[in-house]
Amino acid sequence: MLGHPTDQGLVRTLAAVPGRRSVVDYSLQRRAVLAGVRTGRTGLSEVCDASPYLSRAAKYHGEPTDAACPVCRRERLTLVNYVYGENLGPVAGQAKTEAELARMDAAQDEFSVYRVEVCRGCGWNHLDCSYVLGAEPEPGRRARRSRRRAAPER
């Protein structure tokens, strides 16, 4: 249910990337984790454990939202997009802004984006969604890749 105030702020940002496909939304998993925190089954140290790299990515590459952190309720959440793909080379695994994603969508072969919500105050972080961008592979192109064989040894 999208009635939760923190969910509302995140839903608006989903429409920012028009070429998204194969979207996976992790909001149900998020709610289950937060329910575990509220009931005491899950400790704060388990969910407020953002790595220094993620915190830095949120600071320099993240996009702030209007949604309050569901744990500390003091800070606003920041969204960080990470890109992964076979043809990205050294760019794979980097954090990218929405503008960078739009440029990559127009210029790259298919790649995956993983969007993480982060609280820079308490360290809460959770995978928000994942989706695919870039040029869709031509029919049959994927099949050729999967049928590659190793060169015979001599």
C-alpha atoms as a PDB file:
ATOM      1  CA  MET A   1       0.000   0.000   0.000  1.00  0.00           C
ATOM      2  CA  LEU A   2       1.442   3.355  -0.993  1.00  0.00           C
ATOM      3  CA  GLY A   3      -0.329   5.246   1.743  1.00  0.00           C
ATOM      4  CA  HIS A   4       2.754   5.537   3.924  1.00  0.00           C
ATOM      5  CA  PRO A   5       4.188   9.093   3.760  1.00  0.00           C
ATOM      6  CA  THR A   6       7.730   7.929   3.064  1.00  0.00           C
ATOM      7  CA  ASP A   7       6.507   5.794   0.172  1.00  0.00           C
ATOM      8  CA  GLN A   8       4.817   8.792  -1.461  1.00  0.00           C
ATOM      9  CA  GLY A   9       8.078  10.737  -1.806  1.00  0.00           C
ATOM     10  CA  LEU A  10       9.812   7.806  -3.474  1.00  0.00           C
ATOM     11  CA  VAL A  11       7.048   6.978  -5.933  1.00  0.00           C
ATOM     12  CA  ARG A  12       7.266  10.404  -7.565  1.00  0.00           C
ATOM     13  CA  THR A  13      10.916   9.859  -8.455  1.00  0.00           C
ATOM     14  CA  LEU A  14      10.237   6.586 -10.310  1.00  0.00           C
ATOM     15  CA  ALA A  15       8.787   8.474 -13.275  1.00  0.00           C
ATOM     16  CA  ALA A  16      11.992  10.489 -13.746  1.00  0.00           C
ATOM     17  CA  VAL A  17      13.653   7.845 -15.967  1.00  0.00           C
ATOM     18  CA  PRO A  18      11.367   7.220 -18.962  1.00  0.00           C
ATOM     19  CA  GLY A  19      13.156   4.239 -20.583  1.00  0.00           C
ATOM     20  CA  ARG A  20      12.927   1.965 -17.560  1.00  0.00           C
ATOM     21  CA  ARG A  21      11.906  -1.643 -18.092  1.00  0.00           C
ATOM     22  CA  SER A  22      11.991  -4.862 -16.072  1.00  0.00           C
ATOM     23  CA  VAL A  23      11.301  -2.880 -12.909  1.00  0.00           C
ATOM     24  CA  VAL A  24      11.526  -4.684  -9.568  1.00  0.00           C
ATOM     25  CA  ASP A  25      10.106  -2.777  -6.596  1.00  0.00           C
ATOM     26  CA  TYR A  26      11.376  -3.739  -3.134  1.00  0.00           C
ATOM     27  CA  SER A  27       8.791  -1.797  -1.098  1.00  0.00           C
ATOM     28  CA  LEU A  28       7.179  -4.946   0.369  1.00  0.00           C
ATOM     29  CA  GLN A  29      10.563  -6.163   1.570  1.00  0.00           C
ATOM     30  CA  ARG A  30      11.225  -2.690   2.996  1.00  0.00           C
ATOM     31  CA  ARG A  31       7.967  -2.771   4.945  1.00  0.00           C
ATOM     32  CA  ALA A  32       8.813  -6.206   6.339  1.00  0.00           C
ATOM     33  CA  VAL A  33      12.245  -4.991   7.494  1.00  0.00           C
ATOM     34  CA  LEU A  34      10.737  -1.909   9.132  1.00  0.00           C
ATOM     35  CA  ALA A  35       8.062  -4.037  10.817  1.00  0.00           C
ATOM     36  CA  GLY A  36      10.858  -6.195  12.224  1.00  0.00           C
ATOM     37  CA  VAL A  37      12.570  -3.084  13.598  1.00  0.00           C
ATOM     38  CA  ARG A  38       9.354  -1.810  15.188  1.00  0.00           C
ATOM     39  CA  THR A  39       8.624  -5.148  16.859  1.00  0.00           C
ATOM     40  CA  GLY A  40      12.201  -5.603  18.067  1.00  0.00           C
ATOM     41  CA  ARG A  41      12.958  -8.690  15.951  1.00  0.00           C
ATOM     42  CA  THR A  42      15.540  -6.723  13.955  1.00  0.00           C
ATOM     43  CA  GLY A  43      18.108  -4.509  15.621  1.00  0.00           C
ATOM     44  CA  LEU A  44      18.946  -0.999  14.449  1.00  0.00           C
ATOM     45  CA  SER A  45      22.554  -2.064  13.895  1.00  0.00           C
ATOM     46  CA  GLU A  46      21.306  -4.505  11.238  1.00  0.00           C
ATOM     47  CA  VAL A  47      19.459  -1.871   9.196  1.00  0.00           C
ATOM     48  CA  CYS A  48      21.417   1.314   9.915  1.00  0.00           C
ATOM     49  CA  ASP A  49      24.675  -0.012   8.546  1.00  0.00           C
ATOM     50  CA  ALA A  50      25.435   2.105   5.472  1.00  0.00           C
ATOM     51  CA  SER A  51      29.050   1.662   4.423  1.00  0.00           C
ATOM     52  CA  PRO A  52      31.291   4.728   4.183  1.00  0.00           C
ATOM     53  CA  TYR A  53      31.268   4.285   0.384  1.00  0.00           C
ATOM     54  CA  LEU A  54      27.469   4.346   0.249  1.00  0.00           C
ATOM     55  CA  SER A  55      27.324   7.397   2.533  1.00  0.00           C
ATOM     56  CA  ARG A  56      29.849   9.202   0.340  1.00  0.00           C
ATOM     57  CA  ALA A  57      27.949   8.242  -2.814  1.00  0.00           C
ATOM     58  CA  ALA A  58      24.771   9.624  -1.230  1.00  0.00           C
ATOM     59  CA  LYS A  59      26.545  12.873  -0.454  1.00  0.00           C
ATOM     60  CA  TYR A  60      28.097  13.438  -3.884  1.00  0.00           C
ATOM     61  CA  HIS A  61      25.913  11.507  -6.351  1.00  0.00           C
ATOM     62  CA  GLY A  62      22.622  11.041  -4.513  1.00  0.00           C
ATOM     63  CA  GLU A  63      19.374  12.820  -5.094  1.00  0.00           C
ATOM     64  CA  PRO A  64      17.604  14.088  -1.984  1.00  0.00           C
ATOM     65  CA  THR A  65      13.916  13.318  -1.516  1.00  0.00           C
ATOM     66  CA  ASP A  66      11.173  14.843   0.593  1.00  0.00           C
ATOM     67  CA  ALA A  67      10.667  11.529   2.397  1.00  0.00           C
ATOM     68  CA  ALA A  68      11.790  11.352   6.015  1.00  0.00           C
ATOM     69  CA  CYS A  69      13.955   8.456   7.150  1.00  0.00           C
ATOM     70  CA  PRO A  70      11.628   5.692   8.411  1.00  0.00           C
ATOM     71  CA  VAL A  71      14.008   4.902  11.273  1.00  0.00           C
ATOM     72  CA  CYS A  72      15.319   8.164  12.765  1.00  0.00           C
ATOM     73  CA  ARG A  73      12.693  10.499  11.205  1.00  0.00           C
ATOM     74  CA  ARG A  74      15.188  13.400  11.524  1.00  0.00           C
ATOM     75  CA  GLU A  75      16.847  13.320   8.087  1.00  0.00           C
ATOM     76  CA  ARG A  76      15.495  13.164   4.561  1.00  0.00           C
ATOM     77  CA  LEU A  77      16.281  10.095   2.474  1.00  0.00           C
ATOM     78  CA  THR A  78      18.710  10.287  -0.427  1.00  0.00           C
ATOM     79  CA  LEU A  79      18.474   8.004  -3.468  1.00  0.00           C
ATOM     80  CA  VAL A  80      21.658   6.584  -5.004  1.00  0.00           C
ATOM     81  CA  ASN A  81      21.690   4.794  -8.378  1.00  0.00           C
ATOM     82  CA  TYR A  82      24.342   2.156  -9.097  1.00  0.00           C
ATOM     83  CA  VAL A  83      24.907   0.821 -12.619  1.00  0.00           C
ATOM     84  CA  TYR A  84      26.026  -2.651 -13.671  1.00  0.00           C
ATOM     85  CA  GLY A  85      26.368  -4.233 -17.092  1.00  0.00           C
ATOM     86  CA  GLU A  86      28.583  -6.392 -19.286  1.00  0.00           C
ATOM     87  CA  ASN A  87      29.551  -3.555 -21.592  1.00  0.00           C
ATOM     88  CA  LEU A  88      30.052  -0.762 -19.059  1.00  0.00           C
ATOM     89  CA  GLY A  89      33.705  -1.506 -18.389  1.00  0.00           C
ATOM     90  CA  PRO A  90      35.147   0.631 -15.573  1.00  0.00           C
ATOM     91  CA  VAL A  91      31.814   2.462 -15.150  1.00  0.00           C
ATOM     92  CA  ALA A  92      30.173  -0.715 -13.766  1.00  0.00           C
ATOM     93  CA  GLY A  93      29.504  -0.409 -10.054  1.00  0.00           C
ATOM     94  CA  GLN A  94      29.592   3.388 -10.027  1.00  0.00           C
ATOM     95  CA  ALA A  95      26.942   5.694  -8.604  1.00  0.00           C
ATOM     96  CA  LYS A  96      25.194   7.841 -11.210  1.00  0.00           C
ATOM     97  CA  THR A  97      22.766  10.758 -11.092  1.00  0.00           C
ATOM     98  CA  GLU A  98      19.462  10.752 -12.972  1.00  0.00           C
ATOM     99  CA  ALA A  99      20.979  13.038 -15.645  1.00  0.00           C
ATOM    100  CA  GLU A 100      23.898  10.641 -16.127  1.00  0.00           C
ATOM    101  CA  LEU A 101      21.479   7.721 -16.384  1.00  0.00           C
ATOM    102  CA  ALA A 102      19.527   9.510 -19.119  1.00  0.00           C
ATOM    103  CA  ARG A 103      22.748  10.050 -21.105  1.00  0.00           C
ATOM    104  CA  MET A 104      23.815   6.447 -20.593  1.00  0.00           C
ATOM    105  CA  ASP A 105      20.372   5.191 -21.613  1.00  0.00           C
ATOM    106  CA  ALA A 106      20.792   6.879 -24.990  1.00  0.00           C
ATOM    107  CA  ALA A 107      24.392   5.773 -25.561  1.00  0.00           C
ATOM    108  CA  GLN A 108      24.898   2.333 -23.969  1.00  0.00           C
ATOM    109  CA  ASP A 109      23.859  -1.234 -24.526  1.00  0.00           C
ATOM    110  CA  GLU A 110      21.506  -2.710 -21.958  1.00  0.00           C
ATOM    111  CA  PHE A 111      22.560  -2.265 -18.315  1.00  0.00           C
ATOM    112  CA  SER A 112      20.989  -2.598 -14.867  1.00  0.00           C
ATOM    113  CA  VAL A 113      20.352   0.156 -12.343  1.00  0.00           C
ATOM    114  CA  TYR A 114      19.985  -0.518  -8.632  1.00  0.00           C
ATOM    115  CA  ARG A 115      18.530   2.345  -6.621  1.00  0.00           C
ATOM    116  CA  VAL A 116      19.260   2.463  -2.892  1.00  0.00           C
ATOM    117  CA  GLU A 117      17.634   4.770  -0.360  1.00  0.00           C
ATOM    118  CA  VAL A 118      20.043   6.082   2.266  1.00  0.00           C
ATOM    119  CA  CYS A 119      19.721   8.171   5.412  1.00  0.00           C
ATOM    120  CA  ARG A 120      22.919  10.148   5.805  1.00  0.00           C
ATOM    121  CA  GLY A 121      22.050  10.700   9.473  1.00  0.00           C
ATOM    122  CA  CYS A 122      21.476   7.251  10.966  1.00  0.00           C
ATOM    123  CA  GLY A 123      22.808   5.044   8.169  1.00  0.00           C
ATOM    124  CA  TRP A 124      19.511   3.384   7.187  1.00  0.00           C
ATOM    125  CA  ASN A 125      19.794   1.933   3.685  1.00  0.00           C
ATOM    126  CA  HIS A 126      17.622  -0.322   1.639  1.00  0.00           C
ATOM    127  CA  LEU A 127      17.389  -1.384  -1.989  1.00  0.00           C
ATOM    128  CA  ASP A 128      14.459   0.637  -3.334  1.00  0.00           C
ATOM    129  CA  CYS A 129      14.143  -0.753  -6.855  1.00  0.00           C
ATOM    130  CA  SER A 130      16.065  -2.111  -9.812  1.00  0.00           C
ATOM    131  CA  TYR A 131      15.441  -1.683 -13.513  1.00  0.00           C
ATOM    132  CA  VAL A 132      17.047  -1.959 -16.937  1.00  0.00           C
ATOM    133  CA  LEU A 133      18.086   0.874 -19.246  1.00  0.00           C
ATOM    134  CA  GLY A 134      20.042   1.133 -22.500  1.00  0.00           C
ATOM    135  CA  ALA A 135      19.531  -0.279 -25.961  1.00  0.00           C
ATOM    136  CA  GLU A 136      17.577  -3.499 -25.935  1.00  0.00           C
ATOM    137  CA  PRO A 137      19.518  -6.396 -27.433  1.00  0.00           C
ATOM    138  CA  GLU A 138      18.506  -7.536 -30.889  1.00  0.00           C
ATOM    139  CA  PRO A 139      16.597 -10.824 -30.990  1.00  0.00           C
ATOM    140  CA  GLY A 140      19.056 -13.707 -31.086  1.00  0.00           C
ATOM    141  CA  ARG A 141      21.987 -11.590 -29.938  1.00  0.00           C
ATOM    142  CA  ARG A 142      21.774 -12.859 -26.385  1.00  0.00           C
ATOM    143  CA  ALA A 143      21.557 -16.450 -27.535  1.00  0.00           C
ATOM    144  CA  ARG A 144      24.805 -16.143 -29.490  1.00  0.00           C
ATOM    145  CA  ARG A 145      26.595 -14.854 -26.413  1.00  0.00           C
ATOM    146  CA  SER A 146      25.383 -17.709 -24.250  1.00  0.00           C
ATOM    147  CA  ARG A 147      26.527 -20.310 -26.805  1.00  0.00           C
ATOM    148  CA  ARG A 148      30.141 -19.158 -26.901  1.00  0.00           C
ATOM    149  CA  ARG A 149      32.615 -21.913 -26.393  1.00  0.00           C
ATOM    150  CA  ALA A 150      36.097 -21.769 -25.083  1.00  0.00           C
ATOM    151  CA  ALA A 151      38.812 -21.947 -27.701  1.00  0.00           C
ATOM    152  CA  PRO A 152      40.209 -25.457 -28.042  1.00  0.00           C
ATOM    153  CA  GLU A 153      43.524 -25.961 -26.304  1.00  0.00           C
ATOM    154  CA  ARG A 154      46.503 -26.707 -28.531  1.00  0.00           C
END
